[in-house]
């Protein structure tokens, strides 16, 4: 019983060390990115403004105002969405360090399919 308790204690201590390490790395990375991008924590006023905007967004769908969107406005929203998606893809490529994709063990063989 004592061996089991010791094993659990050792595993918990190891997990805590790993978690603390990654928490420190994440905090340092966030600090560096935040300093470089001049990112700050939103103020209460900004949070309230975002909440009002979100409420208007939901109300647009509830009262049918979305049906009155012009083709130009829809095109602008679509263009903004494509831009955001493009930046997401570039970030993924930078994060994985490869243009093509992730290296997945066993992904080269299709297991006799085709």
N, C-alpha and C. Protein backbone atom coordinates (compact mmCIF):
# COMPACT_ATOMS: atom_id res chain seq x y z
N UNK A 1 0.83 -1.19 0.00
CA UNK A 1 0.00 0.00 0.00
C UNK A 1 0.87 1.25 0.00
N UNK A 2 1.97 1.18 0.77
CA UNK A 2 2.87 2.34 0.84
C UNK A 2 3.54 2.57 -0.51
N UNK A 3 3.82 1.46 -1.23
CA UNK A 3 4.45 1.60 -2.55
C UNK A 3 3.49 2.28 -3.53
N UNK A 4 2.21 1.93 -3.44
CA UNK A 4 1.21 2.56 -4.31
C UNK A 4 1.09 4.04 -4.00
N UNK A 5 1.06 4.39 -2.74
CA UNK A 5 0.97 5.80 -2.34
C UNK A 5 2.21 6.56 -2.81
N UNK A 6 3.37 5.93 -2.68
CA UNK A 6 4.61 6.57 -3.14
C UNK A 6 4.59 6.77 -4.64
N UNK A 7 4.09 5.77 -5.37
CA UNK A 7 4.01 5.85 -6.82
C UNK A 7 3.07 6.98 -7.26
N UNK A 8 1.94 7.08 -6.61
CA UNK A 8 0.98 8.14 -6.92
C UNK A 8 1.57 9.51 -6.60
N UNK A 9 2.25 9.61 -5.47
CA UNK A 9 2.88 10.88 -5.08
C UNK A 9 3.94 11.28 -6.10
N UNK A 10 4.76 10.33 -6.52
CA UNK A 10 5.80 10.62 -7.51
C UNK A 10 5.20 11.05 -8.84
N UNK A 11 4.14 10.37 -9.27
CA UNK A 11 3.48 10.72 -10.53
C UNK A 11 2.87 12.12 -10.45
N UNK A 12 2.24 12.44 -9.33
CA UNK A 12 1.64 13.76 -9.16
C UNK A 12 2.71 14.85 -9.14
N UNK A 13 3.83 14.59 -8.47
CA UNK A 13 4.92 15.57 -8.43
C UNK A 13 5.51 15.78 -9.80
N UNK A 14 5.66 14.72 -10.56
CA UNK A 14 6.19 14.82 -11.93
C UNK A 14 5.23 15.62 -12.81
N UNK A 15 3.95 15.31 -12.71
CA UNK A 15 2.96 16.04 -13.50
C UNK A 15 2.92 17.51 -13.12
N UNK A 16 3.07 17.80 -11.84
CA UNK A 16 3.08 19.19 -11.39
C UNK A 16 4.29 19.93 -11.94
N UNK A 17 5.45 19.27 -11.96
CA UNK A 17 6.66 19.90 -12.52
C UNK A 17 6.47 20.21 -14.00
N UNK A 18 5.93 19.25 -14.73
CA UNK A 18 5.70 19.46 -16.16
C UNK A 18 4.69 20.58 -16.38
N UNK A 19 3.60 20.54 -15.63
CA UNK A 19 2.59 21.59 -15.76
C UNK A 19 3.14 22.96 -15.42
N UNK A 20 3.94 23.05 -14.37
CA UNK A 20 4.54 24.33 -13.99
C UNK A 20 5.50 24.82 -15.07
N UNK A 21 6.27 23.91 -15.64
CA UNK A 21 7.20 24.29 -16.71
C UNK A 21 6.44 24.90 -17.88
N UNK A 22 5.39 24.21 -18.34
CA UNK A 22 4.63 24.71 -19.49
C UNK A 22 3.86 25.98 -19.15
N UNK A 23 3.43 26.12 -17.92
CA UNK A 23 2.78 27.37 -17.51
C UNK A 23 3.77 28.53 -17.59
N UNK A 24 5.00 28.29 -17.15
CA UNK A 24 6.03 29.34 -17.23
C UNK A 24 6.35 29.68 -18.68
N UNK A 25 6.50 28.64 -19.52
CA UNK A 25 6.79 28.87 -20.93
C UNK A 25 5.64 29.65 -21.58
N UNK A 26 4.42 29.25 -21.30
CA UNK A 26 3.26 29.95 -21.86
C UNK A 26 3.17 31.39 -21.40
N UNK A 27 3.45 31.62 -20.12
CA UNK A 27 3.40 32.99 -19.60
C UNK A 27 4.49 33.85 -20.23
N UNK A 28 5.69 33.30 -20.38
CA UNK A 28 6.77 34.05 -21.00
C UNK A 28 6.47 34.33 -22.47
N UNK A 29 5.96 33.33 -23.17
CA UNK A 29 5.60 33.52 -24.57
C UNK A 29 4.50 34.59 -24.69
N UNK A 30 3.50 34.51 -23.84
CA UNK A 30 2.44 35.52 -23.86
C UNK A 30 2.96 36.90 -23.57
N UNK A 31 3.91 37.00 -22.64
CA UNK A 31 4.49 38.30 -22.32
C UNK A 31 5.25 38.86 -23.52
N UNK A 32 6.03 38.02 -24.18
CA UNK A 32 6.80 38.47 -25.34
C UNK A 32 5.89 38.87 -26.50
N UNK A 33 4.89 38.07 -26.77
CA UNK A 33 3.97 38.39 -27.85
C UNK A 33 3.18 39.63 -27.52
N UNK A 34 2.71 39.71 -26.27
CA UNK A 34 1.95 40.89 -25.85
C UNK A 34 2.76 42.16 -25.90
N UNK A 35 4.03 42.08 -25.53
CA UNK A 35 4.89 43.26 -25.57
C UNK A 35 5.17 43.67 -27.01
N UNK A 36 5.38 42.69 -27.87
CA UNK A 36 5.66 42.99 -29.27
C UNK A 36 4.45 43.53 -30.00
N UNK A 37 3.29 43.04 -29.68
CA UNK A 37 2.07 43.47 -30.36
C UNK A 37 1.34 44.57 -29.59
N UNK A 38 1.89 44.96 -28.46
CA UNK A 38 1.26 45.98 -27.61
C UNK A 38 -0.18 45.59 -27.25
N UNK A 39 -0.33 44.32 -26.87
CA UNK A 39 -1.63 43.78 -26.48
C UNK A 39 -1.82 44.02 -24.99
N UNK A 40 -3.00 44.44 -24.62
CA UNK A 40 -3.32 44.66 -23.21
C UNK A 40 -4.59 43.90 -22.86
N UNK A 41 -4.84 43.76 -21.59
CA UNK A 41 -6.08 43.16 -21.12
C UNK A 41 -7.21 44.16 -21.36
N UNK A 42 -8.35 43.69 -21.88
CA UNK A 42 -9.44 44.61 -22.16
C UNK A 42 -9.94 45.30 -20.88
N UNK A 43 -10.29 46.56 -21.04
CA UNK A 43 -10.83 47.31 -19.90
C UNK A 43 -12.30 46.93 -19.71
N UNK A 44 -12.87 47.24 -18.56
CA UNK A 44 -14.30 46.95 -18.36
C UNK A 44 -15.19 47.65 -19.40
N UNK A 45 -14.78 48.85 -19.83
CA UNK A 45 -15.54 49.56 -20.86
C UNK A 45 -15.52 48.83 -22.18
N UNK A 46 -14.36 48.27 -22.53
CA UNK A 46 -14.25 47.52 -23.78
C UNK A 46 -15.05 46.22 -23.71
N UNK A 47 -15.06 45.58 -22.55
CA UNK A 47 -15.87 44.37 -22.39
C UNK A 47 -17.35 44.68 -22.53
N UNK A 48 -17.78 45.79 -21.95
CA UNK A 48 -19.19 46.19 -22.06
C UNK A 48 -19.54 46.51 -23.51
N UNK A 49 -18.64 47.17 -24.21
CA UNK A 49 -18.86 47.51 -25.62
C UNK A 49 -18.97 46.23 -26.46
N UNK A 50 -18.12 45.25 -26.18
CA UNK A 50 -18.18 43.98 -26.90
C UNK A 50 -19.48 43.25 -26.61
N UNK A 51 -19.94 43.32 -25.37
CA UNK A 51 -21.19 42.66 -25.00
C UNK A 51 -22.37 43.30 -25.73
N UNK A 52 -22.36 44.63 -25.85
CA UNK A 52 -23.43 45.32 -26.58
C UNK A 52 -23.40 44.92 -28.06
N UNK A 53 -22.20 44.88 -28.64
CA UNK A 53 -22.06 44.49 -30.04
C UNK A 53 -22.53 43.08 -30.29
N UNK A 54 -22.20 42.16 -29.38
CA UNK A 54 -22.66 40.79 -29.50
C UNK A 54 -24.18 40.72 -29.41
N UNK A 55 -24.76 41.50 -28.51
CA UNK A 55 -26.22 41.55 -28.38
C UNK A 55 -26.88 42.03 -29.66
N UNK A 56 -26.29 43.05 -30.30
CA UNK A 56 -26.83 43.54 -31.58
C UNK A 56 -26.71 42.48 -32.66
N UNK A 57 -25.60 41.75 -32.65
CA UNK A 57 -25.39 40.68 -33.63
C UNK A 57 -26.48 39.62 -33.51
N UNK A 58 -26.76 39.20 -32.30
CA UNK A 58 -27.81 38.19 -32.06
C UNK A 58 -29.18 38.75 -32.44
N UNK A 59 -29.43 40.01 -32.08
CA UNK A 59 -30.72 40.63 -32.40
C UNK A 59 -30.95 40.71 -33.90
N UNK A 60 -29.88 40.89 -34.67
CA UNK A 60 -30.00 40.95 -36.13
C UNK A 60 -30.60 39.66 -36.68
N UNK A 61 -30.21 38.53 -36.12
CA UNK A 61 -30.75 37.26 -36.59
C UNK A 61 -32.15 37.02 -36.05
N UNK A 62 -32.44 37.53 -34.87
CA UNK A 62 -33.75 37.29 -34.28
C UNK A 62 -34.84 38.11 -34.94
N UNK A 63 -34.52 39.33 -35.35
CA UNK A 63 -35.57 40.18 -35.93
C UNK A 63 -35.59 40.17 -37.45
N UNK A 64 -34.72 39.38 -38.09
CA UNK A 64 -34.75 39.24 -39.55
C UNK A 64 -34.04 40.35 -40.30
N UNK A 65 -33.31 41.21 -39.62
CA UNK A 65 -32.60 42.30 -40.29
C UNK A 65 -31.49 41.78 -41.19
N UNK A 66 -31.04 40.56 -40.98
CA UNK A 66 -29.97 39.99 -41.80
C UNK A 66 -30.44 39.81 -43.24
N UNK A 67 -31.75 39.77 -43.46
CA UNK A 67 -32.28 39.61 -44.81
C UNK A 67 -32.11 40.87 -45.64
N UNK A 68 -31.82 42.00 -44.99
CA UNK A 68 -31.69 43.28 -45.68
C UNK A 68 -30.24 43.64 -46.00
N UNK A 69 -29.35 42.69 -45.87
CA UNK A 69 -27.93 42.93 -46.15
C UNK A 69 -27.74 43.05 -47.66
N UNK A 70 -26.99 44.08 -48.07
CA UNK A 70 -26.73 44.27 -49.49
C UNK A 70 -25.64 43.32 -49.97
N UNK A 71 -25.53 43.17 -51.27
CA UNK A 71 -24.50 42.30 -51.84
C UNK A 71 -23.12 42.86 -51.50
N UNK A 72 -22.99 44.18 -51.51
CA UNK A 72 -21.70 44.80 -51.18
C UNK A 72 -21.30 44.49 -49.73
N UNK A 73 -22.25 44.64 -48.79
CA UNK A 73 -21.95 44.34 -47.39
C UNK A 73 -21.59 42.87 -47.21
N UNK A 74 -22.32 41.99 -47.89
CA UNK A 74 -22.03 40.55 -47.81
C UNK A 74 -20.64 40.26 -48.36
N UNK A 75 -20.27 40.92 -49.44
CA UNK A 75 -18.95 40.75 -50.03
C UNK A 75 -17.85 41.22 -49.09
N UNK A 76 -18.10 42.33 -48.40
CA UNK A 76 -17.12 42.84 -47.45
C UNK A 76 -16.93 41.87 -46.28
N UNK A 77 -18.01 41.33 -45.79
CA UNK A 77 -17.93 40.37 -44.69
C UNK A 77 -17.22 39.10 -45.16
N UNK A 78 -17.54 38.65 -46.36
CA UNK A 78 -16.88 37.47 -46.91
C UNK A 78 -15.38 37.72 -47.08
N UNK A 79 -15.02 38.89 -47.59
CA UNK A 79 -13.60 39.25 -47.75
C UNK A 79 -12.87 39.28 -46.42
N UNK A 80 -13.51 39.81 -45.40
CA UNK A 80 -12.90 39.84 -44.07
C UNK A 80 -12.73 38.42 -43.53
N UNK A 81 -13.70 37.57 -43.77
CA UNK A 81 -13.59 36.19 -43.34
C UNK A 81 -12.46 35.45 -44.04
N UNK A 82 -12.32 35.69 -45.34
CA UNK A 82 -11.22 35.06 -46.09
C UNK A 82 -9.88 35.55 -45.56
N UNK A 83 -9.79 36.83 -45.23
CA UNK A 83 -8.56 37.39 -44.68
C UNK A 83 -8.21 36.74 -43.35
N UNK A 84 -9.18 36.62 -42.46
CA UNK A 84 -8.95 36.00 -41.16
C UNK A 84 -8.52 34.55 -41.34
N UNK A 85 -9.20 33.84 -42.23
CA UNK A 85 -8.85 32.44 -42.48
C UNK A 85 -7.43 32.32 -43.05
N UNK A 86 -7.07 33.24 -43.94
CA UNK A 86 -5.73 33.24 -44.50
C UNK A 86 -4.67 33.45 -43.43
N UNK A 87 -4.90 34.40 -42.53
CA UNK A 87 -3.95 34.61 -41.43
C UNK A 87 -3.88 33.39 -40.52
N UNK A 88 -5.01 32.73 -40.32
CA UNK A 88 -5.02 31.50 -39.53
C UNK A 88 -4.13 30.44 -40.18
N UNK A 89 -4.27 30.27 -41.50
CA UNK A 89 -3.47 29.28 -42.20
C UNK A 89 -1.99 29.61 -42.15
N UNK A 90 -1.65 30.88 -42.32
CA UNK A 90 -0.24 31.28 -42.23
C UNK A 90 0.29 30.99 -40.83
N UNK A 91 -0.48 31.28 -39.82
CA UNK A 91 -0.07 30.98 -38.44
C UNK A 91 0.14 29.50 -38.23
N UNK A 92 -0.73 28.67 -38.81
CA UNK A 92 -0.56 27.22 -38.72
C UNK A 92 0.74 26.80 -39.37
N UNK A 93 1.04 27.35 -40.54
CA UNK A 93 2.28 26.99 -41.24
C UNK A 93 3.50 27.40 -40.43
N UNK A 94 3.46 28.56 -39.84
CA UNK A 94 4.56 29.02 -39.01
C UNK A 94 4.69 28.13 -37.78
N UNK A 95 3.57 27.80 -37.17
CA UNK A 95 3.58 26.99 -35.95
C UNK A 95 4.13 25.59 -36.16
N UNK A 96 3.77 24.98 -37.26
CA UNK A 96 4.27 23.62 -37.49
C UNK A 96 5.60 23.62 -38.23
N UNK A 97 6.02 24.76 -38.76
CA UNK A 97 7.31 24.87 -39.42
C UNK A 97 7.37 24.14 -40.74
N UNK A 98 6.23 23.97 -41.39
CA UNK A 98 6.19 23.23 -42.64
C UNK A 98 5.02 23.74 -43.47
N UNK A 99 5.23 23.86 -44.76
CA UNK A 99 4.19 24.37 -45.64
C UNK A 99 3.13 23.32 -45.93
N UNK A 100 3.54 22.06 -46.00
CA UNK A 100 2.65 21.02 -46.48
C UNK A 100 1.71 20.50 -45.41
N UNK A 101 2.22 20.10 -44.27
CA UNK A 101 1.33 19.56 -43.25
C UNK A 101 2.10 18.90 -42.13
N UNK A 102 1.36 18.31 -41.23
CA UNK A 102 1.96 17.64 -40.09
C UNK A 102 2.49 16.27 -40.51
N UNK A 103 3.54 15.82 -39.85
CA UNK A 103 4.07 14.49 -40.09
C UNK A 103 3.35 13.53 -39.14
N UNK A 104 2.57 12.62 -39.73
CA UNK A 104 1.79 11.67 -38.95
C UNK A 104 2.36 10.28 -39.21
N UNK A 105 2.81 9.59 -38.17
CA UNK A 105 3.37 8.24 -38.37
C UNK A 105 2.35 7.33 -39.04
N UNK A 106 2.79 6.63 -40.08
CA UNK A 106 1.91 5.70 -40.77
C UNK A 106 1.00 6.34 -41.80
N UNK A 107 1.10 7.64 -42.00
CA UNK A 107 0.21 8.32 -42.94
C UNK A 107 0.61 8.07 -44.39
N UNK A 108 1.85 7.61 -44.62
CA UNK A 108 2.30 7.37 -45.99
C UNK A 108 1.65 6.15 -46.60
N UNK A 109 1.39 5.14 -45.79
CA UNK A 109 0.74 3.93 -46.33
C UNK A 109 -0.75 4.05 -46.11
N UNK A 110 -1.49 3.67 -47.11
CA UNK A 110 -2.95 3.78 -47.01
C UNK A 110 -3.60 2.47 -46.58
N UNK A 111 -2.77 1.52 -46.16
CA UNK A 111 -3.32 0.27 -45.64
C UNK A 111 -4.03 -0.57 -46.66
N UNK A 112 -3.59 -0.52 -47.93
CA UNK A 112 -4.20 -1.34 -48.96
C UNK A 112 -5.44 -0.73 -49.59
N UNK A 113 -5.79 0.49 -49.23
CA UNK A 113 -6.95 1.14 -49.84
C UNK A 113 -6.59 1.63 -51.23
N UNK A 114 -7.54 1.86 -52.05
CA UNK A 114 -7.44 2.37 -53.43
C UNK A 114 -7.22 1.22 -54.33
